[in-house]
Amino acid sequence: PETLVVLGGEHSLSAGVARGMRRAGIEDFVTVHVDAHADLRDEYEGSPFSHACAARRIVEVAPIFQIGIRNISEGEERFRAKSKRVRTVFAEEALTSRAYLKDLAKFVRGKAVYFTIDLDGLDPAEMPSVGTPEPGGLSWAQLIEIARVVCREAKSLPVFDIVELAPIAGLKAPDFLAAKLAHKIIALALYRGARARPKRRG
């Protein structure tokens, strides 16, 4: 199976990706969203397609499982609490327990998955090159574990994106991390696809 890799840039592009999946005929998909911010605002600074609204627009076309959230507004929390299409694992939960991984596995099992990763979901000690860093956050190892669950349990991974890299002059490690992350997820997706293909006889 093929996987489209989208690299950003602002997280605002992800709403377009999700809508594009629908237009391409991928109807029954779910979204896994790693981020420091809930991105559930209905509009921000006058735009419904701001980076702060990315998850809200995605929820309009697919259920979403958020991981690593540690910044959420009052309005976003009201929406999140009422919505049956949003499951949020706050950073405190993700950093102190692995129990949510079972819920994640159940959420993606047998489904096509759109995997959207805002790099500020990582701890800024590991990924400082983002536009809106937040203290705390996931480690590289935790993010790769999430990716393994998604690629192992999902029916397919038609699209994933990595967004919000904001390079810092002279600091190469975060840029390499972003590239390595893309490479790692591609490898996991290909490995999963190879296992899913039936063996040829003779």
N, C-alpha and C. Protein backbone atom coordinates (compact mmCIF):
# COMPACT_ATOMS: atom_id res chain seq x y z
N PRO A 1 0.83 -1.20 0.00
CA PRO A 1 0.00 0.00 0.00
C PRO A 1 0.87 1.25 0.00
N GLU A 2 0.40 2.29 -0.69
CA GLU A 2 1.15 3.52 -0.78
C GLU A 2 0.84 4.43 0.40
N THR A 3 1.84 5.24 0.79
CA THR A 3 1.67 6.22 1.86
C THR A 3 2.14 7.57 1.37
N LEU A 4 1.27 8.57 1.46
CA LEU A 4 1.63 9.94 1.12
C LEU A 4 2.23 10.60 2.35
N VAL A 5 3.38 11.24 2.20
CA VAL A 5 4.04 11.96 3.29
C VAL A 5 3.93 13.45 3.01
N VAL A 6 3.36 14.19 3.96
CA VAL A 6 3.19 15.64 3.82
C VAL A 6 4.07 16.32 4.87
N LEU A 7 4.89 17.27 4.43
CA LEU A 7 5.81 17.95 5.33
C LEU A 7 5.48 19.43 5.39
N GLY A 8 5.43 19.97 6.63
CA GLY A 8 5.14 21.40 6.81
C GLY A 8 6.20 22.05 7.65
N GLY A 9 6.07 23.28 7.75
CA GLY A 9 4.97 24.16 7.45
C GLY A 9 3.96 24.17 8.61
N GLU A 10 3.03 25.12 8.50
CA GLU A 10 2.00 25.26 9.53
C GLU A 10 1.07 24.06 9.58
N HIS A 11 0.53 23.83 10.78
CA HIS A 11 -0.41 22.73 10.96
C HIS A 11 -1.73 22.99 10.25
N SER A 12 -1.94 24.22 9.80
CA SER A 12 -3.16 24.55 9.08
C SER A 12 -3.33 23.70 7.83
N LEU A 13 -2.24 23.19 7.27
CA LEU A 13 -2.35 22.38 6.05
C LEU A 13 -3.07 21.06 6.29
N SER A 14 -3.11 20.60 7.54
CA SER A 14 -3.66 19.27 7.83
C SER A 14 -5.16 19.17 7.59
N ALA A 15 -5.88 20.27 7.78
CA ALA A 15 -7.32 20.25 7.50
C ALA A 15 -7.56 19.94 6.03
N GLY A 16 -6.74 20.52 5.15
CA GLY A 16 -6.87 20.25 3.73
C GLY A 16 -6.53 18.82 3.38
N VAL A 17 -5.56 18.26 4.08
CA VAL A 17 -5.19 16.86 3.85
C VAL A 17 -6.37 15.94 4.19
N ALA A 18 -6.99 16.18 5.34
CA ALA A 18 -8.11 15.34 5.77
C ALA A 18 -9.27 15.44 4.78
N ARG A 19 -9.57 16.64 4.33
CA ARG A 19 -10.66 16.82 3.35
C ARG A 19 -10.30 16.16 2.02
N GLY A 20 -9.01 16.24 1.67
CA GLY A 20 -8.56 15.60 0.44
C GLY A 20 -8.70 14.09 0.49
N MET A 21 -8.50 13.51 1.66
CA MET A 21 -8.68 12.07 1.81
C MET A 21 -10.11 11.68 1.50
N ARG A 22 -11.05 12.47 2.01
CA ARG A 22 -12.46 12.20 1.73
C ARG A 22 -12.74 12.30 0.23
N ARG A 23 -12.22 13.34 -0.39
CA ARG A 23 -12.46 13.53 -1.82
C ARG A 23 -11.82 12.41 -2.65
N ALA A 24 -10.76 11.82 -2.11
CA ALA A 24 -10.08 10.72 -2.81
C ALA A 24 -10.79 9.39 -2.61
N GLY A 25 -11.87 9.41 -1.82
CA GLY A 25 -12.66 8.20 -1.63
C GLY A 25 -12.31 7.40 -0.39
N ILE A 26 -11.45 7.96 0.49
CA ILE A 26 -11.12 7.29 1.74
C ILE A 26 -12.13 7.77 2.78
N GLU A 27 -13.23 7.07 2.90
CA GLU A 27 -14.35 7.54 3.71
C GLU A 27 -14.22 7.21 5.19
N ASP A 28 -13.92 5.97 5.48
CA ASP A 28 -13.96 5.49 6.86
C ASP A 28 -12.55 5.50 7.47
N PHE A 29 -12.03 6.71 7.72
CA PHE A 29 -10.70 6.80 8.32
C PHE A 29 -10.78 7.51 9.67
N VAL A 30 -9.75 7.31 10.47
CA VAL A 30 -9.63 7.97 11.76
C VAL A 30 -8.30 8.72 11.79
N THR A 31 -8.18 9.65 12.72
CA THR A 31 -6.98 10.48 12.80
C THR A 31 -6.30 10.31 14.15
N VAL A 32 -4.99 10.15 14.12
CA VAL A 32 -4.17 10.17 15.33
C VAL A 32 -3.36 11.46 15.28
N HIS A 33 -3.42 12.23 16.34
CA HIS A 33 -2.90 13.61 16.37
C HIS A 33 -1.96 13.78 17.55
N VAL A 34 -0.68 13.98 17.28
CA VAL A 34 0.30 14.27 18.32
C VAL A 34 0.58 15.77 18.31
N ASP A 35 0.47 16.41 19.48
CA ASP A 35 0.58 17.87 19.52
C ASP A 35 0.70 18.33 20.97
N ALA A 36 1.25 19.51 21.17
CA ALA A 36 1.20 20.15 22.48
C ALA A 36 -0.11 20.89 22.68
N HIS A 37 -0.73 21.27 21.57
CA HIS A 37 -1.93 22.11 21.60
C HIS A 37 -3.12 21.33 21.06
N ALA A 38 -4.29 21.60 21.64
CA ALA A 38 -5.48 20.87 21.22
C ALA A 38 -5.91 21.21 19.80
N ASP A 39 -5.66 22.44 19.36
CA ASP A 39 -6.02 22.88 18.00
C ASP A 39 -7.50 22.66 17.70
N LEU A 40 -8.34 22.86 18.72
CA LEU A 40 -9.78 22.63 18.57
C LEU A 40 -10.58 23.93 18.52
N ARG A 41 -9.92 25.06 18.31
CA ARG A 41 -10.64 26.32 18.20
C ARG A 41 -11.48 26.34 16.92
N ASP A 42 -12.66 26.93 17.00
CA ASP A 42 -13.49 27.02 15.80
C ASP A 42 -12.95 28.09 14.86
N GLU A 43 -12.33 29.12 15.43
CA GLU A 43 -11.63 30.11 14.62
C GLU A 43 -10.57 30.77 15.49
N TYR A 44 -9.55 31.31 14.85
CA TYR A 44 -8.46 31.97 15.58
C TYR A 44 -7.95 33.12 14.74
N GLU A 45 -7.95 34.31 15.34
CA GLU A 45 -7.54 35.53 14.65
C GLU A 45 -8.32 35.73 13.35
N GLY A 46 -9.61 35.38 13.43
CA GLY A 46 -10.51 35.62 12.30
C GLY A 46 -10.55 34.54 11.25
N SER A 47 -9.77 33.47 11.42
CA SER A 47 -9.74 32.41 10.40
C SER A 47 -10.15 31.07 10.97
N PRO A 48 -11.07 30.36 10.32
CA PRO A 48 -11.42 29.00 10.75
C PRO A 48 -10.39 27.97 10.28
N PHE A 49 -9.41 28.41 9.50
CA PHE A 49 -8.40 27.49 8.98
C PHE A 49 -7.00 27.82 9.52
N SER A 50 -6.96 28.47 10.68
CA SER A 50 -5.70 28.73 11.37
C SER A 50 -5.08 27.42 11.85
N HIS A 51 -3.79 27.46 12.13
CA HIS A 51 -3.13 26.29 12.73
C HIS A 51 -3.78 25.90 14.05
N ALA A 52 -4.38 26.87 14.75
CA ALA A 52 -5.05 26.60 16.02
C ALA A 52 -6.40 25.92 15.85
N CYS A 53 -6.85 25.77 14.60
CA CYS A 53 -8.14 25.16 14.30
C CYS A 53 -7.98 23.83 13.57
N ALA A 54 -6.76 23.35 13.42
CA ALA A 54 -6.50 22.18 12.58
C ALA A 54 -7.32 20.97 13.02
N ALA A 55 -7.29 20.64 14.30
CA ALA A 55 -8.00 19.45 14.77
C ALA A 55 -9.52 19.65 14.69
N ARG A 56 -9.99 20.86 14.92
CA ARG A 56 -11.44 21.14 14.83
C ARG A 56 -11.94 20.87 13.42
N ARG A 57 -11.17 21.26 12.42
CA ARG A 57 -11.58 21.01 11.04
C ARG A 57 -11.46 19.53 10.69
N ILE A 58 -10.45 18.85 11.23
CA ILE A 58 -10.32 17.42 10.97
C ILE A 58 -11.48 16.65 11.56
N VAL A 59 -11.90 17.04 12.77
CA VAL A 59 -13.01 16.35 13.45
C VAL A 59 -14.29 16.40 12.61
N GLU A 60 -14.40 17.41 11.77
CA GLU A 60 -15.59 17.52 10.91
C GLU A 60 -15.66 16.40 9.88
N VAL A 61 -14.54 15.75 9.61
CA VAL A 61 -14.54 14.67 8.62
C VAL A 61 -14.10 13.32 9.19
N ALA A 62 -13.50 13.29 10.40
CA ALA A 62 -13.04 12.02 10.96
C ALA A 62 -12.83 12.13 12.47
N PRO A 63 -13.09 11.05 13.21
CA PRO A 63 -12.78 11.03 14.64
C PRO A 63 -11.29 11.22 14.87
N ILE A 64 -10.94 11.74 16.04
CA ILE A 64 -9.53 12.07 16.29
C ILE A 64 -9.10 11.60 17.68
N PHE A 65 -7.89 11.08 17.77
CA PHE A 65 -7.28 10.63 19.02
C PHE A 65 -6.04 11.48 19.23
N GLN A 66 -6.10 12.38 20.20
CA GLN A 66 -5.01 13.33 20.44
C GLN A 66 -4.09 12.83 21.56
N ILE A 67 -2.79 13.06 21.40
CA ILE A 67 -1.81 12.61 22.39
C ILE A 67 -0.79 13.71 22.65
N GLY A 68 -0.51 13.96 23.92
CA GLY A 68 0.54 14.91 24.30
C GLY A 68 0.07 16.31 24.57
N ILE A 69 -1.25 16.53 24.59
CA ILE A 69 -1.81 17.87 24.73
C ILE A 69 -1.47 18.46 26.11
N ARG A 70 -1.02 19.70 26.11
CA ARG A 70 -0.73 20.39 27.38
C ARG A 70 -1.04 21.88 27.31
N ASN A 71 -1.80 22.27 26.28
CA ASN A 71 -2.27 23.64 26.19
C ASN A 71 -3.64 23.60 25.52
N ILE A 72 -4.66 24.03 26.26
CA ILE A 72 -6.03 23.99 25.74
C ILE A 72 -6.81 25.16 26.33
N SER A 73 -7.59 25.82 25.49
CA SER A 73 -8.37 26.97 25.95
C SER A 73 -9.68 26.51 26.57
N GLU A 74 -10.36 27.43 27.23
CA GLU A 74 -11.65 27.12 27.85
C GLU A 74 -12.67 26.68 26.80
N GLY A 75 -12.70 27.39 25.68
CA GLY A 75 -13.65 27.04 24.63
C GLY A 75 -13.34 25.69 24.01
N GLU A 76 -12.07 25.40 23.82
CA GLU A 76 -11.68 24.10 23.28
C GLU A 76 -12.07 22.97 24.22
N GLU A 77 -11.90 23.20 25.52
CA GLU A 77 -12.24 22.17 26.50
C GLU A 77 -13.73 21.91 26.52
N ARG A 78 -14.54 22.95 26.39
CA ARG A 78 -15.99 22.76 26.33
C ARG A 78 -16.36 21.90 25.13
N PHE A 79 -15.77 22.21 23.98
CA PHE A 79 -16.05 21.43 22.78
C PHE A 79 -15.58 19.99 22.94
N ARG A 80 -14.38 19.82 23.44
CA ARG A 80 -13.79 18.49 23.61
C ARG A 80 -14.64 17.63 24.54
N ALA A 81 -15.09 18.23 25.64
CA ALA A 81 -15.85 17.49 26.63
C ALA A 81 -17.20 17.01 26.09
N LYS A 82 -17.78 17.75 25.15
CA LYS A 82 -19.08 17.39 24.59
C LYS A 82 -18.98 16.47 23.38
N SER A 83 -17.85 16.49 22.71
CA SER A 83 -17.73 15.76 21.45
C SER A 83 -17.45 14.27 21.68
N LYS A 84 -18.16 13.44 20.94
CA LYS A 84 -17.92 12.00 20.99
C LYS A 84 -16.88 11.57 19.96
N ARG A 85 -16.39 12.56 19.19
CA ARG A 85 -15.42 12.26 18.14
C ARG A 85 -13.99 12.64 18.52
N VAL A 86 -13.81 13.07 19.77
CA VAL A 86 -12.48 13.48 20.23
C VAL A 86 -12.08 12.70 21.47
N ARG A 87 -10.95 12.04 21.42
CA ARG A 87 -10.35 11.38 22.59
C ARG A 87 -9.01 12.06 22.83
N THR A 88 -8.80 12.63 24.01
CA THR A 88 -7.59 13.38 24.30
C THR A 88 -6.80 12.73 25.41
N VAL A 89 -5.54 12.45 25.12
CA VAL A 89 -4.60 11.98 26.12
C VAL A 89 -3.66 13.15 26.43
N PHE A 90 -3.87 13.77 27.59
CA PHE A 90 -3.03 14.89 27.95
C PHE A 90 -1.62 14.42 28.26
N ALA A 91 -0.66 15.33 28.16
CA ALA A 91 0.75 14.97 28.32
C ALA A 91 1.01 14.30 29.66
N GLU A 92 0.37 14.80 30.72
CA GLU A 92 0.59 14.22 32.05
C GLU A 92 0.25 12.74 32.07
N GLU A 93 -0.85 12.37 31.42
CA GLU A 93 -1.24 10.96 31.35
C GLU A 93 -0.24 10.16 30.51
N ALA A 94 0.13 10.71 29.36
CA ALA A 94 1.04 10.00 28.46
C ALA A 94 2.41 9.79 29.08
N LEU A 95 2.84 10.72 29.94
CA LEU A 95 4.17 10.65 30.52
C LEU A 95 4.24 9.76 31.75
N THR A 96 3.09 9.42 32.32
CA THR A 96 3.09 8.65 33.56
C THR A 96 2.52 7.24 33.42
N SER A 97 1.94 6.94 32.26
CA SER A 97 1.33 5.62 32.07
C SER A 97 1.33 5.25 30.59
N ARG A 98 1.44 3.96 30.32
CA ARG A 98 1.37 3.47 28.94
C ARG A 98 -0.02 2.90 28.64
N ALA A 99 -0.94 3.02 29.59
CA ALA A 99 -2.25 2.41 29.45
C ALA A 99 -3.00 2.93 28.22
N TYR A 100 -2.79 4.20 27.86
CA TYR A 100 -3.51 4.78 26.74
C TYR A 100 -3.18 4.08 25.42
N LEU A 101 -2.04 3.40 25.36
CA LEU A 101 -1.66 2.73 24.11
C LEU A 101 -2.65 1.63 23.74
N LYS A 102 -3.27 1.00 24.74
CA LYS A 102 -4.30 -0.01 24.46
C LYS A 102 -5.52 0.65 23.83
N ASP A 103 -5.88 1.82 24.34
CA ASP A 103 -7.00 2.56 23.75
C ASP A 103 -6.66 3.00 22.33
N LEU A 104 -5.41 3.43 22.13
CA LEU A 104 -4.98 3.83 20.80
C LEU A 104 -5.07 2.67 19.83
N ALA A 105 -4.59 1.50 20.26
CA ALA A 105 -4.63 0.31 19.40
C ALA A 105 -6.07 -0.02 19.00
N LYS A 106 -6.98 0.06 19.95
CA LYS A 106 -8.39 -0.21 19.67
C LYS A 106 -8.96 0.83 18.71
N PHE A 107 -8.57 2.07 18.88
CA PHE A 107 -9.08 3.17 18.05
C PHE A 107 -8.70 2.99 16.58
N VAL A 108 -7.47 2.54 16.32
CA VAL A 108 -6.99 2.46 14.93
C VAL A 108 -7.17 1.07 14.31
N ARG A 109 -7.47 0.06 15.12
CA ARG A 109 -7.47 -1.31 14.62
C ARG A 109 -8.44 -1.50 13.45
N GLY A 110 -7.89 -1.98 12.34
CA GLY A 110 -8.70 -2.27 11.17
C GLY A 110 -9.15 -1.04 10.39
N LYS A 111 -8.61 0.14 10.72
CA LYS A 111 -9.03 1.37 10.07
C LYS A 111 -7.90 1.95 9.21
N ALA A 112 -8.29 2.73 8.22
CA ALA A 112 -7.33 3.61 7.55
C ALA A 112 -7.06 4.77 8.51
N VAL A 113 -5.79 5.15 8.63
CA VAL A 113 -5.41 6.16 9.62
C VAL A 113 -4.69 7.33 8.96
N TYR A 114 -5.09 8.52 9.34
CA TYR A 114 -4.35 9.74 9.02
C TYR A 114 -3.58 10.11 10.29
N PHE A 115 -2.26 10.11 10.21
CA PHE A 115 -1.39 10.35 11.36
C PHE A 115 -0.77 11.73 11.19
N THR A 116 -1.17 12.68 12.05
CA THR A 116 -0.66 14.04 11.95
C THR A 116 0.17 14.39 13.18
N ILE A 117 1.40 14.81 12.94
CA ILE A 117 2.36 15.05 14.03
C ILE A 117 2.83 16.49 13.99
N ASP A 118 2.45 17.26 15.00
CA ASP A 118 3.02 18.58 15.23
C ASP A 118 4.25 18.35 16.11
N LEU A 119 5.40 18.80 15.65
CA LEU A 119 6.64 18.51 16.37
C LEU A 119 6.71 19.12 17.76
N ASP A 120 5.84 20.11 18.06
CA ASP A 120 5.85 20.63 19.43
C ASP A 120 5.18 19.67 20.42
N GLY A 121 4.64 18.55 19.90
CA GLY A 121 4.18 17.49 20.80
C GLY A 121 5.33 16.86 21.56
N LEU A 122 6.53 16.96 20.99
CA LEU A 122 7.73 16.46 21.67
C LEU A 122 8.20 17.44 22.74
N ASP A 123 8.95 16.92 23.69
CA ASP A 123 9.57 17.77 24.70
C ASP A 123 10.53 18.73 24.01
N PRO A 124 10.46 20.04 24.31
CA PRO A 124 11.36 20.99 23.67
C PRO A 124 12.83 20.75 23.99
N ALA A 125 13.12 19.95 25.02
CA ALA A 125 14.51 19.58 25.27
C ALA A 125 15.05 18.72 24.13
N GLU A 126 14.16 17.99 23.45
CA GLU A 126 14.54 17.17 22.31
C GLU A 126 14.23 17.86 20.99
N MET A 127 13.17 18.67 20.96
CA MET A 127 12.75 19.34 19.72
C MET A 127 12.46 20.81 20.01
N PRO A 128 13.51 21.64 20.09
CA PRO A 128 13.30 23.06 20.36
C PRO A 128 12.88 23.87 19.13
N SER A 129 13.08 23.33 17.94
CA SER A 129 12.87 24.09 16.71
C SER A 129 11.41 24.05 16.25
N VAL A 130 10.54 24.66 17.05
CA VAL A 130 9.12 24.77 16.73
C VAL A 130 8.67 26.19 17.02
N GLY A 131 7.56 26.58 16.42
CA GLY A 131 7.10 27.94 16.57
C GLY A 131 6.48 28.25 17.92
N THR A 132 5.82 27.25 18.53
CA THR A 132 5.13 27.47 19.80
C THR A 132 5.47 26.35 20.79
N PRO A 133 6.71 26.34 21.31
CA PRO A 133 7.13 25.27 22.22
C PRO A 133 6.38 25.35 23.55
N GLU A 134 6.13 24.19 24.14
CA GLU A 134 5.47 24.08 25.44
C GLU A 134 6.32 23.19 26.34
N PRO A 135 6.51 23.56 27.60
CA PRO A 135 7.26 22.71 28.52
C PRO A 135 6.65 21.32 28.64
N GLY A 136 7.49 20.33 28.89
CA GLY A 136 7.00 18.96 28.97
C GLY A 136 6.84 18.38 27.58
N GLY A 137 6.20 17.25 27.49
CA GLY A 137 5.96 16.67 26.17
C GLY A 137 6.56 15.29 26.03
N LEU A 138 6.29 14.68 24.91
CA LEU A 138 6.70 13.31 24.65
C LEU A 138 8.19 13.23 24.35
N SER A 139 8.75 12.07 24.60
CA SER A 139 10.12 11.80 24.19
C SER A 139 10.11 11.17 22.80
N TRP A 140 11.27 11.10 22.19
CA TRP A 140 11.41 10.41 20.90
C TRP A 140 10.93 8.97 21.03
N ALA A 141 11.35 8.29 22.08
CA ALA A 141 10.98 6.89 22.26
C ALA A 141 9.47 6.72 22.37
N GLN A 142 8.81 7.62 23.07
CA GLN A 142 7.35 7.54 23.21
C GLN A 142 6.65 7.78 21.88
N LEU A 143 7.15 8.74 21.10
CA LEU A 143 6.55 9.02 19.81
C LEU A 143 6.71 7.83 18.86
N ILE A 144 7.87 7.20 18.89
CA ILE A 144 8.08 6.03 18.04
C ILE A 144 7.19 4.87 18.49
N GLU A 145 6.96 4.75 19.79
CA GLU A 145 6.05 3.71 20.27
C GLU A 145 4.64 3.94 19.76
N ILE A 146 4.21 5.19 19.74
CA ILE A 146 2.90 5.53 19.19
C ILE A 146 2.84 5.16 17.72
N ALA A 147 3.90 5.50 16.98
CA ALA A 147 3.94 5.17 15.55
C ALA A 147 3.90 3.66 15.33
N ARG A 148 4.58 2.92 16.18
CA ARG A 148 4.56 1.45 16.05
C ARG A 148 3.15 0.90 16.24
N VAL A 149 2.44 1.41 17.23
CA VAL A 149 1.07 0.95 17.47
C VAL A 149 0.19 1.26 16.27
N VAL A 150 0.31 2.47 15.75
CA VAL A 150 -0.51 2.87 14.60
C VAL A 150 -0.22 1.96 13.40
N CYS A 151 1.06 1.77 13.09
CA CYS A 151 1.41 0.99 11.90
C CYS A 151 1.12 -0.50 12.08
N ARG A 152 1.18 -0.97 13.30
CA ARG A 152 0.91 -2.39 13.55
C ARG A 152 -0.58 -2.72 13.50
N GLU A 153 -1.40 -1.83 14.04
CA GLU A 153 -2.82 -2.14 14.23
C GLU A 153 -3.72 -1.61 13.12
N ALA A 154 -3.29 -0.58 12.43
CA ALA A 154 -4.16 0.02 11.40
C ALA A 154 -4.29 -0.88 10.19
N LYS A 155 -5.40 -0.75 9.51
CA LYS A 155 -5.57 -1.43 8.23
C LYS A 155 -4.61 -0.86 7.20
N SER A 156 -4.45 0.48 7.24
CA SER A 156 -3.54 1.15 6.31
C SER A 156 -3.17 2.53 6.86
N LEU A 157 -2.09 3.06 6.35
CA LEU A 157 -1.66 4.42 6.69
C LEU A 157 -1.52 5.19 5.37
N PRO A 158 -2.65 5.64 4.81
CA PRO A 158 -2.59 6.30 3.51
C PRO A 158 -1.85 7.63 3.53
N VAL A 159 -1.89 8.33 4.68
CA VAL A 159 -1.25 9.64 4.78
C VAL A 159 -0.71 9.85 6.20
N PHE A 160 0.48 10.44 6.28
CA PHE A 160 0.91 11.04 7.55
C PHE A 160 1.61 12.35 7.25
N ASP A 161 1.56 13.24 8.22
CA ASP A 161 2.28 14.51 8.06
C ASP A 161 3.13 14.80 9.29
N ILE A 162 4.16 15.60 9.06
CA ILE A 162 5.02 16.12 10.11
C ILE A 162 5.11 17.62 9.88
N VAL A 163 4.64 18.40 10.87
CA VAL A 163 4.51 19.84 10.65
C VAL A 163 5.14 20.65 11.79
N GLU A 164 5.23 21.96 11.52
CA GLU A 164 5.66 22.97 12.48
C GLU A 164 7.16 22.97 12.81
N LEU A 165 7.98 22.40 11.93
CA LEU A 165 9.42 22.55 12.11
C LEU A 165 9.80 24.00 11.81
N ALA A 166 10.49 24.63 12.74
CA ALA A 166 10.95 26.01 12.58
C ALA A 166 12.46 26.02 12.85
N PRO A 167 13.26 25.73 11.83
CA PRO A 167 14.71 25.56 12.03
C PRO A 167 15.38 26.74 12.73
N ILE A 168 16.32 26.43 13.58
CA ILE A 168 17.13 27.42 14.29
C ILE A 168 18.52 27.40 13.67
N ALA A 169 18.99 28.52 13.22
CA ALA A 169 20.28 28.60 12.55
C ALA A 169 21.39 28.02 13.43
N GLY A 170 22.15 27.12 12.84
CA GLY A 170 23.28 26.53 13.54
C GLY A 170 22.94 25.34 14.41
N LEU A 171 21.64 25.03 14.55
CA LEU A 171 21.21 23.90 15.39
C LEU A 171 20.66 22.81 14.46
N LYS A 172 21.44 21.78 14.22
CA LYS A 172 21.10 20.78 13.22
C LYS A 172 20.31 19.60 13.77
N ALA A 173 20.47 19.30 15.05
CA ALA A 173 19.86 18.09 15.61
C ALA A 173 18.34 18.04 15.44
N PRO A 174 17.60 19.12 15.69
CA PRO A 174 16.15 19.05 15.51
C PRO A 174 15.74 18.78 14.06
N ASP A 175 16.48 19.36 13.10
CA ASP A 175 16.18 19.12 11.69
C ASP A 175 16.38 17.64 11.36
N PHE A 176 17.46 17.08 11.89
CA PHE A 176 17.73 15.66 11.67
C PHE A 176 16.65 14.81 12.31
N LEU A 177 16.17 15.21 13.51
CA LEU A 177 15.11 14.47 14.17
C LEU A 177 13.87 14.39 13.28
N ALA A 178 13.48 15.52 12.70
CA ALA A 178 12.29 15.55 11.85
C ALA A 178 12.47 14.62 10.64
N ALA A 179 13.65 14.67 10.02
CA ALA A 179 13.91 13.81 8.87
C ALA A 179 13.92 12.34 9.28
N LYS A 180 14.55 12.06 10.41
CA LYS A 180 14.61 10.69 10.91
C LYS A 180 13.22 10.17 11.24
N LEU A 181 12.36 11.03 11.77
CA LEU A 181 11.00 10.63 12.10
C LEU A 181 10.23 10.23 10.85
N ALA A 182 10.36 11.02 9.79
CA ALA A 182 9.69 10.68 8.54
C ALA A 182 10.19 9.34 8.02
N HIS A 183 11.49 9.15 8.05
CA HIS A 183 12.09 7.90 7.58
C HIS A 183 11.59 6.71 8.40
N LYS A 184 11.52 6.90 9.72
CA LYS A 184 11.11 5.81 10.61
C LYS A 184 9.66 5.41 10.36
N ILE A 185 8.78 6.37 10.20
CA ILE A 185 7.37 6.04 9.98
C ILE A 185 7.17 5.38 8.62
N ILE A 186 7.89 5.86 7.61
CA ILE A 186 7.82 5.20 6.30
C ILE A 186 8.24 3.74 6.42
N ALA A 187 9.34 3.50 7.14
CA ALA A 187 9.83 2.13 7.32
C ALA A 187 8.80 1.26 8.04
N LEU A 188 8.19 1.80 9.09
CA LEU A 188 7.18 1.05 9.84
C LEU A 188 5.96 0.75 8.96
N ALA A 189 5.55 1.73 8.16
CA ALA A 189 4.40 1.54 7.28
C ALA A 189 4.70 0.50 6.21
N LEU A 190 5.89 0.53 5.65
CA LEU A 190 6.26 -0.44 4.63
C LEU A 190 6.36 -1.84 5.20
N TYR A 191 6.91 -1.93 6.40
CA TYR A 191 7.03 -3.24 7.05
C TYR A 191 5.65 -3.82 7.33
N ARG A 192 4.75 -2.98 7.79
CA ARG A 192 3.39 -3.42 8.06
C ARG A 192 2.72 -3.87 6.76
N GLY A 193 2.93 -3.11 5.67
CA GLY A 193 2.36 -3.46 4.39
C GLY A 193 2.90 -4.77 3.85
N ALA A 194 4.21 -5.00 4.05
CA ALA A 194 4.82 -6.24 3.58
C ALA A 194 4.24 -7.44 4.32
N ARG A 195 4.01 -7.30 5.60
CA ARG A 195 3.44 -8.40 6.38
C ARG A 195 1.99 -8.68 5.97
N ALA A 196 1.27 -7.62 5.56
CA ALA A 196 -0.15 -7.76 5.23
C ALA A 196 -0.37 -8.41 3.86
N ARG A 197 0.63 -8.36 2.97
CA ARG A 197 0.46 -8.93 1.64
C ARG A 197 0.47 -10.46 1.70
N PRO A 198 -0.43 -11.12 0.99
CA PRO A 198 -0.44 -12.59 0.98
C PRO A 198 0.80 -13.13 0.29
N LYS A 199 1.28 -14.27 0.75
CA LYS A 199 2.45 -14.91 0.14
C LYS A 199 2.05 -15.57 -1.17
N ARG A 200 2.93 -15.46 -2.14
CA ARG A 200 2.68 -16.09 -3.43
C ARG A 200 3.09 -17.57 -3.37
N ARG A 201 2.31 -18.37 -4.05
CA ARG A 201 2.63 -19.80 -4.11
C ARG A 201 3.44 -20.13 -5.36
N GLY A 202 4.29 -21.12 -5.20
CA GLY A 202 5.06 -21.61 -6.32
C GLY A 202 6.16 -20.66 -6.70
